[in-house]
């Protein structure tokens, strides 16, 4: 059974390593079955604080229950991002697999509140959806019609339809966005296709590794510069 989508969202918070007032908030969005503690356990929190010492770090427990209730973006905005923006902080979203669509949904809804989106092997759809769009001649010629999402697959399909409407005709997302995926990751094909559909070639990189924290940590280190 899915855990309940409670409010406020349970969130782990970390002060800037450099001390003093933060100039940035880095939000770590977990995978489908991950807990926010895993970002600390696998060294991602320390990596972010080392690379961006003037940033605060927040890791909300936005588990699958929030996505089923279709409220991850609302919780993220009201409880985490909007307060940070009111403090004058820029906001960077970092998502591991399911945190990828979480980042995309948020950026679609609140594009002015995000300064950067970094994704590690994001889940952007199954092979059937990629095949459907490719069979239509690519995202430009794909016309999905009205979608009322009743399950995960239809939810991702609706996400693609929204991205096509808002991003494809305008040359891509309105904020800087990058993806890194392991060459042995099961999401590699869909991540390549997402990049061809909405991003530029330099916004995507493949590295050695699979669908695991070791690969995501290496990717995060590259993305954070």
C-alpha atoms as a PDB file:
ATOM      1  CA  UNK A   1       0.000   0.000   0.000  1.00  0.00           C
ATOM      2  CA  UNK A   2       1.143   3.525  -0.765  1.00  0.00           C
ATOM      3  CA  UNK A   3       1.952   5.812   2.159  1.00  0.00           C
ATOM      4  CA  UNK A   4      -0.378   8.750   2.608  1.00  0.00           C
ATOM      5  CA  UNK A   5       0.452  12.106   1.062  1.00  0.00           C
ATOM      6  CA  UNK A   6       0.504  14.084   4.299  1.00  0.00           C
ATOM      7  CA  UNK A   7       0.914  17.814   4.784  1.00  0.00           C
ATOM      8  CA  UNK A   8       3.293  19.326   5.572  1.00  0.00           C
ATOM      9  CA  UNK A   9       5.714  17.125   3.672  1.00  0.00           C
ATOM     10  CA  UNK A  10       8.387  15.550   5.841  1.00  0.00           C
ATOM     11  CA  UNK A  11      11.561  17.319   4.715  1.00  0.00           C
ATOM     12  CA  UNK A  12      15.214  16.967   5.658  1.00  0.00           C
ATOM     13  CA  UNK A  13      17.034  20.309   5.686  1.00  0.00           C
ATOM     14  CA  UNK A  14      20.727  21.150   5.688  1.00  0.00           C
ATOM     15  CA  UNK A  15      22.291  24.553   6.308  1.00  0.00           C
ATOM     16  CA  UNK A  16      24.905  26.035   3.947  1.00  0.00           C
ATOM     17  CA  UNK A  17      28.334  24.544   4.538  1.00  0.00           C
ATOM     18  CA  UNK A  18      29.862  28.025   4.377  1.00  0.00           C
ATOM     19  CA  UNK A  19      27.513  29.287   7.075  1.00  0.00           C
ATOM     20  CA  UNK A  20      25.677  32.574   6.958  1.00  0.00           C
ATOM     21  CA  UNK A  21      22.805  33.473   4.672  1.00  0.00           C
ATOM     22  CA  UNK A  22      22.064  31.096   1.801  1.00  0.00           C
ATOM     23  CA  UNK A  23      21.920  32.398  -1.756  1.00  0.00           C
ATOM     24  CA  UNK A  24      20.465  29.189  -3.211  1.00  0.00           C
ATOM     25  CA  UNK A  25      18.158  26.321  -2.337  1.00  0.00           C
ATOM     26  CA  UNK A  26      18.978  22.924  -3.824  1.00  0.00           C
ATOM     27  CA  UNK A  27      15.995  20.573  -3.670  1.00  0.00           C
ATOM     28  CA  UNK A  28      16.654  16.832  -3.913  1.00  0.00           C
ATOM     29  CA  UNK A  29      13.645  14.938  -5.280  1.00  0.00           C
ATOM     30  CA  UNK A  30      13.665  11.190  -4.568  1.00  0.00           C
ATOM     31  CA  UNK A  31      12.869   8.180  -6.689  1.00  0.00           C
ATOM     32  CA  UNK A  32       9.674   6.148  -6.554  1.00  0.00           C
ATOM     33  CA  UNK A  33      10.676   3.875  -3.663  1.00  0.00           C
ATOM     34  CA  UNK A  34      13.409   6.072  -2.177  1.00  0.00           C
ATOM     35  CA  UNK A  35      13.361   7.962   1.086  1.00  0.00           C
ATOM     36  CA  UNK A  36      15.082  11.340   1.438  1.00  0.00           C
ATOM     37  CA  UNK A  37      17.603   9.832   3.891  1.00  0.00           C
ATOM     38  CA  UNK A  38      19.150   7.997   0.942  1.00  0.00           C
ATOM     39  CA  UNK A  39      20.527  11.272  -0.426  1.00  0.00           C
ATOM     40  CA  UNK A  40      22.562  11.619   2.749  1.00  0.00           C
ATOM     41  CA  UNK A  41      23.466   7.948   3.026  1.00  0.00           C
ATOM     42  CA  UNK A  42      24.837   7.832  -0.531  1.00  0.00           C
ATOM     43  CA  UNK A  43      26.808  11.062  -0.244  1.00  0.00           C
ATOM     44  CA  UNK A  44      24.648  13.312  -2.419  1.00  0.00           C
ATOM     45  CA  UNK A  45      23.959  15.830   0.355  1.00  0.00           C
ATOM     46  CA  UNK A  46      27.662  16.181   1.177  1.00  0.00           C
ATOM     47  CA  UNK A  47      28.458  16.508  -2.521  1.00  0.00           C
ATOM     48  CA  UNK A  48      25.948  19.335  -3.010  1.00  0.00           C
ATOM     49  CA  UNK A  49      27.195  21.158   0.096  1.00  0.00           C
ATOM     50  CA  UNK A  50      30.797  20.808  -1.084  1.00  0.00           C
ATOM     51  CA  UNK A  51      30.085  21.999  -4.629  1.00  0.00           C
ATOM     52  CA  UNK A  52      27.710  24.773  -3.580  1.00  0.00           C
ATOM     53  CA  UNK A  53      28.751  25.808  -0.063  1.00  0.00           C
ATOM     54  CA  UNK A  54      26.405  28.804   0.032  1.00  0.00           C
ATOM     55  CA  UNK A  55      23.321  26.709  -0.732  1.00  0.00           C
ATOM     56  CA  UNK A  56      20.755  25.276   1.629  1.00  0.00           C
ATOM     57  CA  UNK A  57      19.682  21.731   0.820  1.00  0.00           C
ATOM     58  CA  UNK A  58      16.167  20.339   1.190  1.00  0.00           C
ATOM     59  CA  UNK A  59      15.187  16.700   0.640  1.00  0.00           C
ATOM     60  CA  UNK A  60      11.398  16.324   0.817  1.00  0.00           C
ATOM     61  CA  UNK A  61       9.790  12.912   1.194  1.00  0.00           C
ATOM     62  CA  UNK A  62       7.731  13.336  -1.985  1.00  0.00           C
ATOM     63  CA  UNK A  63       6.972   9.655  -2.431  1.00  0.00           C
ATOM     64  CA  UNK A  64       4.672   7.993  -4.942  1.00  0.00           C
ATOM     65  CA  UNK A  65       1.584   8.798  -2.882  1.00  0.00           C
ATOM     66  CA  UNK A  66       1.935  12.494  -3.720  1.00  0.00           C
ATOM     67  CA  UNK A  67       2.098  11.722  -7.434  1.00  0.00           C
ATOM     68  CA  UNK A  68      -0.978   9.505  -7.237  1.00  0.00           C
ATOM     69  CA  UNK A  69      -2.812  12.404  -5.577  1.00  0.00           C
ATOM     70  CA  UNK A  70      -1.335  14.764  -8.226  1.00  0.00           C
ATOM     71  CA  UNK A  71      -0.016  17.238  -5.674  1.00  0.00           C
ATOM     72  CA  UNK A  72       3.818  17.005  -5.634  1.00  0.00           C
ATOM     73  CA  UNK A  73       4.187  20.386  -7.363  1.00  0.00           C
ATOM     74  CA  UNK A  74       1.691  22.047  -5.020  1.00  0.00           C
ATOM     75  CA  UNK A  75       3.457  20.780  -1.897  1.00  0.00           C
ATOM     76  CA  UNK A  76       6.860  21.658  -3.290  1.00  0.00           C
ATOM     77  CA  UNK A  77       5.755  25.157  -4.210  1.00  0.00           C
ATOM     78  CA  UNK A  78       3.842  26.085  -1.086  1.00  0.00           C
ATOM     79  CA  UNK A  79       6.109  24.512   1.511  1.00  0.00           C
ATOM     80  CA  UNK A  80       9.621  24.708   0.050  1.00  0.00           C
ATOM     81  CA  UNK A  81      10.173  26.787  -3.080  1.00  0.00           C
ATOM     82  CA  UNK A  82       7.984  29.824  -2.480  1.00  0.00           C
ATOM     83  CA  UNK A  83       9.469  30.496   0.983  1.00  0.00           C
ATOM     84  CA  UNK A  84      12.964  30.209  -0.508  1.00  0.00           C
ATOM     85  CA  UNK A  85      12.123  32.638  -3.289  1.00  0.00           C
ATOM     86  CA  UNK A  86      10.707  35.064  -0.731  1.00  0.00           C
ATOM     87  CA  UNK A  87      14.090  34.926   1.020  1.00  0.00           C
ATOM     88  CA  UNK A  88      15.773  35.850  -2.257  1.00  0.00           C
ATOM     89  CA  UNK A  89      17.282  32.413  -2.952  1.00  0.00           C
ATOM     90  CA  UNK A  90      17.615  30.915  -6.422  1.00  0.00           C
ATOM     91  CA  UNK A  91      16.225  27.377  -6.699  1.00  0.00           C
ATOM     92  CA  UNK A  92      17.847  24.327  -8.261  1.00  0.00           C
ATOM     93  CA  UNK A  93      15.927  21.060  -8.575  1.00  0.00           C
ATOM     94  CA  UNK A  94      17.816  17.758  -8.689  1.00  0.00           C
ATOM     95  CA  UNK A  95      15.704  14.672  -9.397  1.00  0.00           C
ATOM     96  CA  UNK A  96      16.576  10.994  -9.456  1.00  0.00           C
ATOM     97  CA  UNK A  97      14.291   8.820 -11.533  1.00  0.00           C
ATOM     98  CA  UNK A  98      10.788   9.724 -10.348  1.00  0.00           C
ATOM     99  CA  UNK A  99      12.141  13.057  -9.137  1.00  0.00           C
ATOM    100  CA  UNK A 100      12.731  13.771 -12.828  1.00  0.00           C
ATOM    101  CA  UNK A 101       9.056  14.026 -13.772  1.00  0.00           C
ATOM    102  CA  UNK A 102       8.538  15.786 -10.447  1.00  0.00           C
ATOM    103  CA  UNK A 103      10.998  18.441 -11.606  1.00  0.00           C
ATOM    104  CA  UNK A 104       9.356  18.652 -15.022  1.00  0.00           C
ATOM    105  CA  UNK A 105       5.855  19.016 -13.592  1.00  0.00           C
ATOM    106  CA  UNK A 106       7.010  21.751 -11.256  1.00  0.00           C
ATOM    107  CA  UNK A 107       8.793  23.618 -14.040  1.00  0.00           C
ATOM    108  CA  UNK A 108       5.688  23.469 -16.216  1.00  0.00           C
ATOM    109  CA  UNK A 109       3.576  24.928 -13.418  1.00  0.00           C
ATOM    110  CA  UNK A 110       6.017  27.461 -11.954  1.00  0.00           C
ATOM    111  CA  UNK A 111       8.691  28.245 -14.558  1.00  0.00           C
ATOM    112  CA  UNK A 112       9.635  31.600 -13.018  1.00  0.00           C
ATOM    113  CA  UNK A 113      10.522  30.039  -9.674  1.00  0.00           C
ATOM    114  CA  UNK A 114      13.166  27.619 -10.963  1.00  0.00           C
ATOM    115  CA  UNK A 115      16.710  28.633 -11.895  1.00  0.00           C
ATOM    116  CA  UNK A 116      18.026  25.210 -12.921  1.00  0.00           C
ATOM    117  CA  UNK A 117      16.821  21.621 -13.352  1.00  0.00           C
ATOM    118  CA  UNK A 118      19.289  18.728 -13.116  1.00  0.00           C
ATOM    119  CA  UNK A 119      18.065  15.167 -13.640  1.00  0.00           C
ATOM    120  CA  UNK A 120      19.713  11.801 -13.162  1.00  0.00           C
ATOM    121  CA  UNK A 121      18.196   8.994 -15.243  1.00  0.00           C
ATOM    122  CA  UNK A 122      14.704  10.525 -15.066  1.00  0.00           C
ATOM    123  CA  UNK A 123      11.686   8.349 -15.694  1.00  0.00           C
ATOM    124  CA  UNK A 124      10.108   9.995 -18.749  1.00  0.00           C
ATOM    125  CA  UNK A 125       7.994   7.143 -20.058  1.00  0.00           C
ATOM    126  CA  UNK A 126       8.019   3.497 -21.079  1.00  0.00           C
ATOM    127  CA  UNK A 127       9.158   2.196 -24.473  1.00  0.00           C
ATOM    128  CA  UNK A 128       5.552   2.056 -25.711  1.00  0.00           C
ATOM    129  CA  UNK A 129       5.149   5.837 -25.378  1.00  0.00           C
ATOM    130  CA  UNK A 130       8.462   6.506 -27.107  1.00  0.00           C
ATOM    131  CA  UNK A 131       7.442   4.138 -29.927  1.00  0.00           C
ATOM    132  CA  UNK A 132       4.071   5.872 -30.281  1.00  0.00           C
ATOM    133  CA  UNK A 133       5.641   9.317 -30.625  1.00  0.00           C
ATOM    134  CA  UNK A 134       8.327   8.061 -32.996  1.00  0.00           C
ATOM    135  CA  UNK A 135       5.680   6.322 -35.147  1.00  0.00           C
ATOM    136  CA  UNK A 136       3.883   9.650 -35.486  1.00  0.00           C
ATOM    137  CA  UNK A 137       7.044  11.216 -36.883  1.00  0.00           C
ATOM    138  CA  UNK A 138       8.399  12.687 -33.650  1.00  0.00           C
ATOM    139  CA  UNK A 139       7.107  15.144 -31.094  1.00  0.00           C
ATOM    140  CA  UNK A 140       6.292  17.752 -33.750  1.00  0.00           C
ATOM    141  CA  UNK A 141       3.811  15.461 -35.505  1.00  0.00           C
ATOM    142  CA  UNK A 142       2.447  13.668 -32.446  1.00  0.00           C
ATOM    143  CA  UNK A 143      -1.133  14.653 -31.599  1.00  0.00           C
ATOM    144  CA  UNK A 144      -2.273  12.775 -28.493  1.00  0.00           C
ATOM    145  CA  UNK A 145      -5.678  14.422 -28.130  1.00  0.00           C
ATOM    146  CA  UNK A 146      -7.272  14.991 -24.743  1.00  0.00           C
ATOM    147  CA  UNK A 147      -5.810  12.842 -21.981  1.00  0.00           C
ATOM    148  CA  UNK A 148      -7.508  12.172 -18.646  1.00  0.00           C
ATOM    149  CA  UNK A 149      -4.811  10.382 -16.648  1.00  0.00           C
ATOM    150  CA  UNK A 150      -6.045   7.340 -14.734  1.00  0.00           C
ATOM    151  CA  UNK A 151      -2.700   5.626 -14.168  1.00  0.00           C
ATOM    152  CA  UNK A 152       1.057   6.212 -14.301  1.00  0.00           C
ATOM    153  CA  UNK A 153       1.346   5.656 -18.051  1.00  0.00           C
ATOM    154  CA  UNK A 154      -1.435   8.106 -18.880  1.00  0.00           C
ATOM    155  CA  UNK A 155       0.024  10.605 -16.414  1.00  0.00           C
ATOM    156  CA  UNK A 156       3.383  10.551 -18.199  1.00  0.00           C
ATOM    157  CA  UNK A 157       1.643  10.767 -21.574  1.00  0.00           C
ATOM    158  CA  UNK A 158      -0.202  13.889 -20.403  1.00  0.00           C
ATOM    159  CA  UNK A 159       3.123  15.301 -19.196  1.00  0.00           C
ATOM    160  CA  UNK A 160       4.571  14.840 -22.690  1.00  0.00           C
ATOM    161  CA  UNK A 161       1.506  16.512 -24.204  1.00  0.00           C
ATOM    162  CA  UNK A 162       1.961  19.519 -21.919  1.00  0.00           C
ATOM    163  CA  UNK A 163       5.682  19.741 -22.670  1.00  0.00           C
ATOM    164  CA  UNK A 164       4.934  19.590 -26.395  1.00  0.00           C
ATOM    165  CA  UNK A 165       2.441  22.449 -26.073  1.00  0.00           C
ATOM    166  CA  UNK A 166       4.561  24.682 -23.853  1.00  0.00           C
ATOM    167  CA  UNK A 167       8.140  23.840 -24.792  1.00  0.00           C
ATOM    168  CA  UNK A 168       8.526  22.310 -28.226  1.00  0.00           C
ATOM    169  CA  UNK A 169       7.280  25.266 -30.261  1.00  0.00           C
ATOM    170  CA  UNK A 170       9.321  27.716 -28.180  1.00  0.00           C
ATOM    171  CA  UNK A 171      12.649  25.944 -28.536  1.00  0.00           C
ATOM    172  CA  UNK A 172      12.730  24.056 -25.252  1.00  0.00           C
ATOM    173  CA  UNK A 173      12.188  24.561 -21.531  1.00  0.00           C
ATOM    174  CA  UNK A 174      12.406  28.138 -20.203  1.00  0.00           C
ATOM    175  CA  UNK A 175      15.078  27.242 -17.623  1.00  0.00           C
ATOM    176  CA  UNK A 176      18.493  25.560 -17.954  1.00  0.00           C
ATOM    177  CA  UNK A 177      18.040  21.801 -17.872  1.00  0.00           C
ATOM    178  CA  UNK A 178      20.550  18.933 -17.993  1.00  0.00           C
ATOM    179  CA  UNK A 179      20.377  15.136 -17.832  1.00  0.00           C
ATOM    180  CA  UNK A 180      22.990  12.478 -17.114  1.00  0.00           C
ATOM    181  CA  UNK A 181      22.195   8.780 -17.511  1.00  0.00           C
ATOM    182  CA  UNK A 182      24.251   5.610 -17.190  1.00  0.00           C
ATOM    183  CA  UNK A 183      24.903   3.628 -20.356  1.00  0.00           C
ATOM    184  CA  UNK A 184      23.474   0.514 -18.677  1.00  0.00           C
ATOM    185  CA  UNK A 185      20.435   2.327 -17.296  1.00  0.00           C
ATOM    186  CA  UNK A 186      17.017   1.097 -18.405  1.00  0.00           C
ATOM    187  CA  UNK A 187      15.942   4.718 -18.953  1.00  0.00           C
ATOM    188  CA  UNK A 188      18.712   5.473 -21.432  1.00  0.00           C
ATOM    189  CA  UNK A 189      16.594   5.109 -24.590  1.00  0.00           C
ATOM    190  CA  UNK A 190      13.770   7.287 -23.287  1.00  0.00           C
ATOM    191  CA  UNK A 191      16.256   9.865 -21.973  1.00  0.00           C
ATOM    192  CA  UNK A 192      17.894  10.083 -25.391  1.00  0.00           C
ATOM    193  CA  UNK A 193      14.478  10.536 -26.999  1.00  0.00           C
ATOM    194  CA  UNK A 194      13.442  13.188 -24.473  1.00  0.00           C
ATOM    195  CA  UNK A 195      16.642  15.085 -25.261  1.00  0.00           C
ATOM    196  CA  UNK A 196      16.009  14.945 -29.009  1.00  0.00           C
ATOM    197  CA  UNK A 197      12.460  16.156 -28.431  1.00  0.00           C
ATOM    198  CA  UNK A 198      13.042  19.077 -26.069  1.00  0.00           C
ATOM    199  CA  UNK A 199      16.728  19.754 -25.381  1.00  0.00           C
ATOM    200  CA  UNK A 200      20.008  20.378 -27.158  1.00  0.00           C
ATOM    201  CA  UNK A 201      22.686  17.729 -27.509  1.00  0.00           C
ATOM    202  CA  UNK A 202      25.002  19.424 -24.995  1.00  0.00           C
ATOM    203  CA  UNK A 203      22.300  19.188 -22.305  1.00  0.00           C
ATOM    204  CA  UNK A 204      22.556  15.391 -22.135  1.00  0.00           C
ATOM    205  CA  UNK A 205      25.453  13.106 -21.240  1.00  0.00           C
ATOM    206  CA  UNK A 206      25.922   9.361 -20.920  1.00  0.00           C
ATOM    207  CA  UNK A 207      28.374   7.901 -18.427  1.00  0.00           C
ATOM    208  CA  UNK A 208      29.460   4.412 -17.440  1.00  0.00           C
ATOM    209  CA  UNK A 209      27.105   2.833 -14.944  1.00  0.00           C
ATOM    210  CA  UNK A 210      23.588   1.602 -14.390  1.00  0.00           C
ATOM    211  CA  UNK A 211      20.432   2.440 -12.493  1.00  0.00           C
ATOM    212  CA  UNK A 212      22.037   2.932  -9.092  1.00  0.00           C
ATOM    213  CA  UNK A 213      23.294   5.484  -6.596  1.00  0.00           C
ATOM    214  CA  UNK A 214      26.957   5.109  -7.567  1.00  0.00           C
ATOM    215  CA  UNK A 215      26.154   6.258 -11.110  1.00  0.00           C
ATOM    216  CA  UNK A 216      23.813   9.009  -9.908  1.00  0.00           C
ATOM    217  CA  UNK A 217      26.434  10.381  -7.514  1.00  0.00           C
ATOM    218  CA  UNK A 218      29.000  10.525 -10.323  1.00  0.00           C
ATOM    219  CA  UNK A 219      26.430  12.229 -12.530  1.00  0.00           C
ATOM    220  CA  UNK A 220      25.515  14.714  -9.798  1.00  0.00           C
ATOM    221  CA  UNK A 221      29.154  15.668  -9.373  1.00  0.00           C
ATOM    222  CA  UNK A 222      29.380  16.412 -13.106  1.00  0.00           C
ATOM    223  CA  UNK A 223      26.118  18.362 -13.168  1.00  0.00           C
ATOM    224  CA  UNK A 224      27.025  20.521 -10.179  1.00  0.00           C
ATOM    225  CA  UNK A 225      30.317  21.558 -11.798  1.00  0.00           C
END
